[in-house]
């Protein structure tokens, strides 16, 4: 069995998770749900809700939550320009898919800014592994119909 390479205690990750939850509520009036169910990580702008589901380890859950709040932050900062927000035409053409990938990258970048603002330490190797894993799924998705 592979041991997780946590740099901090599990308690610390949960404290940081709560810090992000509180931030999302205060800054964006967003409701946050952290559920141990099927894996699903979503933000719903219309309902101002972030849902992070899954039995992921606490560090990954923290990083995923930061990413989803990164989407919320970008939406609030770019109200007049929704260029990169996914599936506006609901037809998932190659242009929409490309914009979705761009938005995903920008949300990860925004997540790093939020972590710094909230004094949350990001472990570089673990962060990069999670981004790579996430982006690989999007790259596979974009190639499904090409």
C-alpha atoms as a PDB file:
ATOM      1  CA  UNK A   1       0.000   0.000   0.000  1.00  0.00           C
ATOM      2  CA  UNK A   2       1.357   3.394  -1.020  1.00  0.00           C
ATOM      3  CA  UNK A   3       1.624   5.969   1.757  1.00  0.00           C
ATOM      4  CA  UNK A   4       0.409   9.471   1.077  1.00  0.00           C
ATOM      5  CA  UNK A   5       3.205  12.009   0.972  1.00  0.00           C
ATOM      6  CA  UNK A   6       1.485  14.520   3.226  1.00  0.00           C
ATOM      7  CA  UNK A   7       3.689  17.330   4.405  1.00  0.00           C
ATOM      8  CA  UNK A   8       1.126  18.541   6.954  1.00  0.00           C
ATOM      9  CA  UNK A   9      -1.214  16.828   9.388  1.00  0.00           C
ATOM     10  CA  UNK A  10      -4.678  15.747   8.288  1.00  0.00           C
ATOM     11  CA  UNK A  11      -6.054  18.195  10.865  1.00  0.00           C
ATOM     12  CA  UNK A  12      -4.203  21.045   9.126  1.00  0.00           C
ATOM     13  CA  UNK A  13      -5.747  20.171   5.750  1.00  0.00           C
ATOM     14  CA  UNK A  14      -9.213  20.184   7.312  1.00  0.00           C
ATOM     15  CA  UNK A  15      -8.526  23.558   8.931  1.00  0.00           C
ATOM     16  CA  UNK A  16      -7.501  24.909   5.532  1.00  0.00           C
ATOM     17  CA  UNK A  17     -10.610  23.358   3.951  1.00  0.00           C
ATOM     18  CA  UNK A  18     -12.732  25.259   6.458  1.00  0.00           C
ATOM     19  CA  UNK A  19     -10.817  28.451   5.670  1.00  0.00           C
ATOM     20  CA  UNK A  20     -11.689  28.053   1.964  1.00  0.00           C
ATOM     21  CA  UNK A  21     -15.344  27.266   2.786  1.00  0.00           C
ATOM     22  CA  UNK A  22     -15.563  30.404   4.943  1.00  0.00           C
ATOM     23  CA  UNK A  23     -13.887  32.468   2.203  1.00  0.00           C
ATOM     24  CA  UNK A  24     -16.332  31.236  -0.469  1.00  0.00           C
ATOM     25  CA  UNK A  25     -19.289  32.089   1.759  1.00  0.00           C
ATOM     26  CA  UNK A  26     -17.966  35.520   2.723  1.00  0.00           C
ATOM     27  CA  UNK A  27     -16.632  36.635  -0.668  1.00  0.00           C
ATOM     28  CA  UNK A  28     -19.198  35.088  -3.011  1.00  0.00           C
ATOM     29  CA  UNK A  29     -22.179  34.160  -0.852  1.00  0.00           C
ATOM     30  CA  UNK A  30     -21.570  30.602  -2.011  1.00  0.00           C
ATOM     31  CA  UNK A  31     -22.776  27.475  -0.310  1.00  0.00           C
ATOM     32  CA  UNK A  32     -20.141  24.748  -0.115  1.00  0.00           C
ATOM     33  CA  UNK A  33     -20.836  21.035   0.269  1.00  0.00           C
ATOM     34  CA  UNK A  34     -18.073  18.548   0.984  1.00  0.00           C
ATOM     35  CA  UNK A  35     -19.539  15.071   0.584  1.00  0.00           C
ATOM     36  CA  UNK A  36     -17.990  11.609   0.665  1.00  0.00           C
ATOM     37  CA  UNK A  37     -19.933  10.134  -2.227  1.00  0.00           C
ATOM     38  CA  UNK A  38     -19.220   9.541  -5.888  1.00  0.00           C
ATOM     39  CA  UNK A  39     -16.382  11.608  -7.286  1.00  0.00           C
ATOM     40  CA  UNK A  40     -17.726  14.881  -8.630  1.00  0.00           C
ATOM     41  CA  UNK A  41     -16.331  18.373  -8.410  1.00  0.00           C
ATOM     42  CA  UNK A  42     -18.591  21.129  -9.596  1.00  0.00           C
ATOM     43  CA  UNK A  43     -19.488  24.745  -9.203  1.00  0.00           C
ATOM     44  CA  UNK A  44     -22.940  26.017 -10.004  1.00  0.00           C
ATOM     45  CA  UNK A  45     -22.877  29.737 -10.594  1.00  0.00           C
ATOM     46  CA  UNK A  46     -26.637  30.199 -10.788  1.00  0.00           C
ATOM     47  CA  UNK A  47     -27.156  28.551  -7.432  1.00  0.00           C
ATOM     48  CA  UNK A  48     -23.908  29.931  -5.957  1.00  0.00           C
ATOM     49  CA  UNK A  49     -22.967  26.472  -4.874  1.00  0.00           C
ATOM     50  CA  UNK A  50     -19.720  24.526  -4.850  1.00  0.00           C
ATOM     51  CA  UNK A  51     -19.968  20.765  -4.436  1.00  0.00           C
ATOM     52  CA  UNK A  52     -16.927  18.569  -3.850  1.00  0.00           C
ATOM     53  CA  UNK A  53     -17.889  14.908  -3.629  1.00  0.00           C
ATOM     54  CA  UNK A  54     -15.726  11.880  -3.244  1.00  0.00           C
ATOM     55  CA  UNK A  55     -13.545   9.879  -0.959  1.00  0.00           C
ATOM     56  CA  UNK A  56     -10.470  11.817  -1.966  1.00  0.00           C
ATOM     57  CA  UNK A  57      -7.731  12.396   0.605  1.00  0.00           C
ATOM     58  CA  UNK A  58      -8.023  15.708   2.479  1.00  0.00           C
ATOM     59  CA  UNK A  59      -5.137  17.384   0.656  1.00  0.00           C
ATOM     60  CA  UNK A  60      -6.663  16.614  -2.746  1.00  0.00           C
ATOM     61  CA  UNK A  61     -10.074  17.700  -1.497  1.00  0.00           C
ATOM     62  CA  UNK A  62      -8.523  21.004  -0.373  1.00  0.00           C
ATOM     63  CA  UNK A  63      -6.854  21.532  -3.737  1.00  0.00           C
ATOM     64  CA  UNK A  64     -10.006  20.628  -5.652  1.00  0.00           C
ATOM     65  CA  UNK A  65     -12.051  23.009  -3.512  1.00  0.00           C
ATOM     66  CA  UNK A  66      -9.518  25.782  -4.145  1.00  0.00           C
ATOM     67  CA  UNK A  67      -9.848  25.096  -7.880  1.00  0.00           C
ATOM     68  CA  UNK A  68     -13.663  25.204  -7.810  1.00  0.00           C
ATOM     69  CA  UNK A  69     -13.604  28.434  -5.804  1.00  0.00           C
ATOM     70  CA  UNK A  70     -11.119  29.652  -8.420  1.00  0.00           C
ATOM     71  CA  UNK A  71     -13.914  29.245 -10.971  1.00  0.00           C
ATOM     72  CA  UNK A  72     -16.295  31.220  -8.747  1.00  0.00           C
ATOM     73  CA  UNK A  73     -13.735  33.955  -8.284  1.00  0.00           C
ATOM     74  CA  UNK A  74     -13.170  34.202 -12.024  1.00  0.00           C
ATOM     75  CA  UNK A  75     -16.909  34.377 -12.680  1.00  0.00           C
ATOM     76  CA  UNK A  76     -17.322  37.234 -10.206  1.00  0.00           C
ATOM     77  CA  UNK A  77     -14.277  39.067 -11.562  1.00  0.00           C
ATOM     78  CA  UNK A  78     -15.324  38.636 -15.196  1.00  0.00           C
ATOM     79  CA  UNK A  79     -19.060  39.258 -15.085  1.00  0.00           C
ATOM     80  CA  UNK A  80     -19.007  41.216 -18.333  1.00  0.00           C
ATOM     81  CA  UNK A  81     -16.712  38.794 -20.164  1.00  0.00           C
ATOM     82  CA  UNK A  82     -17.669  35.145 -20.048  1.00  0.00           C
ATOM     83  CA  UNK A  83     -15.254  34.226 -22.855  1.00  0.00           C
ATOM     84  CA  UNK A  84     -13.745  31.211 -21.155  1.00  0.00           C
ATOM     85  CA  UNK A  85     -16.770  29.753 -19.385  1.00  0.00           C
ATOM     86  CA  UNK A  86     -17.824  26.421 -20.725  1.00  0.00           C
ATOM     87  CA  UNK A  87     -20.610  25.293 -22.985  1.00  0.00           C
ATOM     88  CA  UNK A  88     -22.363  28.574 -23.610  1.00  0.00           C
ATOM     89  CA  UNK A  89     -23.800  27.259 -26.873  1.00  0.00           C
ATOM     90  CA  UNK A  90     -24.614  23.843 -25.342  1.00  0.00           C
ATOM     91  CA  UNK A  91     -23.236  22.067 -28.384  1.00  0.00           C
ATOM     92  CA  UNK A  92     -19.765  21.164 -27.128  1.00  0.00           C
ATOM     93  CA  UNK A  93     -18.019  21.946 -30.379  1.00  0.00           C
ATOM     94  CA  UNK A  94     -14.234  22.119 -30.587  1.00  0.00           C
ATOM     95  CA  UNK A  95     -14.178  25.876 -29.906  1.00  0.00           C
ATOM     96  CA  UNK A  96     -16.295  25.435 -26.746  1.00  0.00           C
ATOM     97  CA  UNK A  97     -14.128  22.543 -25.606  1.00  0.00           C
ATOM     98  CA  UNK A  98     -10.960  24.561 -26.169  1.00  0.00           C
ATOM     99  CA  UNK A  99     -12.383  27.444 -24.159  1.00  0.00           C
ATOM    100  CA  UNK A 100     -13.297  24.991 -21.405  1.00  0.00           C
ATOM    101  CA  UNK A 101      -9.706  23.807 -21.199  1.00  0.00           C
ATOM    102  CA  UNK A 102      -8.529  27.407 -21.063  1.00  0.00           C
ATOM    103  CA  UNK A 103     -10.961  28.097 -18.222  1.00  0.00           C
ATOM    104  CA  UNK A 104      -9.723  25.051 -16.319  1.00  0.00           C
ATOM    105  CA  UNK A 105      -6.124  26.265 -16.510  1.00  0.00           C
ATOM    106  CA  UNK A 106      -7.134  29.775 -15.438  1.00  0.00           C
ATOM    107  CA  UNK A 107      -9.125  28.390 -12.488  1.00  0.00           C
ATOM    108  CA  UNK A 108      -6.082  26.426 -11.279  1.00  0.00           C
ATOM    109  CA  UNK A 109      -4.035  29.611 -11.508  1.00  0.00           C
ATOM    110  CA  UNK A 110      -6.691  31.564  -9.605  1.00  0.00           C
ATOM    111  CA  UNK A 111      -6.745  28.786  -6.985  1.00  0.00           C
ATOM    112  CA  UNK A 112      -3.047  29.406  -6.303  1.00  0.00           C
ATOM    113  CA  UNK A 113      -3.791  33.107  -5.755  1.00  0.00           C
ATOM    114  CA  UNK A 114      -6.602  32.242  -3.338  1.00  0.00           C
ATOM    115  CA  UNK A 115      -4.344  29.841  -1.429  1.00  0.00           C
ATOM    116  CA  UNK A 116      -1.726  32.577  -1.024  1.00  0.00           C
ATOM    117  CA  UNK A 117      -4.374  35.067   0.086  1.00  0.00           C
ATOM    118  CA  UNK A 118      -5.653  32.589   2.698  1.00  0.00           C
ATOM    119  CA  UNK A 119      -2.158  31.609   3.845  1.00  0.00           C
ATOM    120  CA  UNK A 120      -2.588  28.004   2.714  1.00  0.00           C
ATOM    121  CA  UNK A 121       0.595  26.147   1.876  1.00  0.00           C
ATOM    122  CA  UNK A 122       0.478  24.295  -1.419  1.00  0.00           C
ATOM    123  CA  UNK A 123       2.786  21.314  -1.829  1.00  0.00           C
ATOM    124  CA  UNK A 124       4.212  21.832  -5.287  1.00  0.00           C
ATOM    125  CA  UNK A 125       4.592  18.194  -6.371  1.00  0.00           C
ATOM    126  CA  UNK A 126       1.149  17.141  -5.146  1.00  0.00           C
ATOM    127  CA  UNK A 127      -0.423  20.269  -6.673  1.00  0.00           C
ATOM    128  CA  UNK A 128       1.187  19.616 -10.063  1.00  0.00           C
ATOM    129  CA  UNK A 129       0.165  15.930  -9.997  1.00  0.00           C
ATOM    130  CA  UNK A 130      -3.464  16.856  -9.349  1.00  0.00           C
ATOM    131  CA  UNK A 131      -3.500  19.512 -12.070  1.00  0.00           C
ATOM    132  CA  UNK A 132      -1.943  17.064 -14.537  1.00  0.00           C
ATOM    133  CA  UNK A 133      -4.466  14.366 -13.657  1.00  0.00           C
ATOM    134  CA  UNK A 134      -7.347  16.814 -14.008  1.00  0.00           C
ATOM    135  CA  UNK A 135      -6.140  18.318 -17.270  1.00  0.00           C
ATOM    136  CA  UNK A 136      -5.508  14.883 -18.776  1.00  0.00           C
ATOM    137  CA  UNK A 137      -9.216  14.111 -18.347  1.00  0.00           C
ATOM    138  CA  UNK A 138     -10.102  17.295 -20.224  1.00  0.00           C
ATOM    139  CA  UNK A 139      -7.612  16.552 -22.965  1.00  0.00           C
ATOM    140  CA  UNK A 140      -9.119  13.095 -23.397  1.00  0.00           C
ATOM    141  CA  UNK A 141     -12.582  14.680 -23.440  1.00  0.00           C
ATOM    142  CA  UNK A 142     -11.614  17.174 -26.134  1.00  0.00           C
ATOM    143  CA  UNK A 143     -10.178  14.354 -28.260  1.00  0.00           C
ATOM    144  CA  UNK A 144     -13.297  12.157 -28.009  1.00  0.00           C
ATOM    145  CA  UNK A 145     -14.932  13.656 -31.076  1.00  0.00           C
ATOM    146  CA  UNK A 146     -11.918  14.796 -33.089  1.00  0.00           C
END
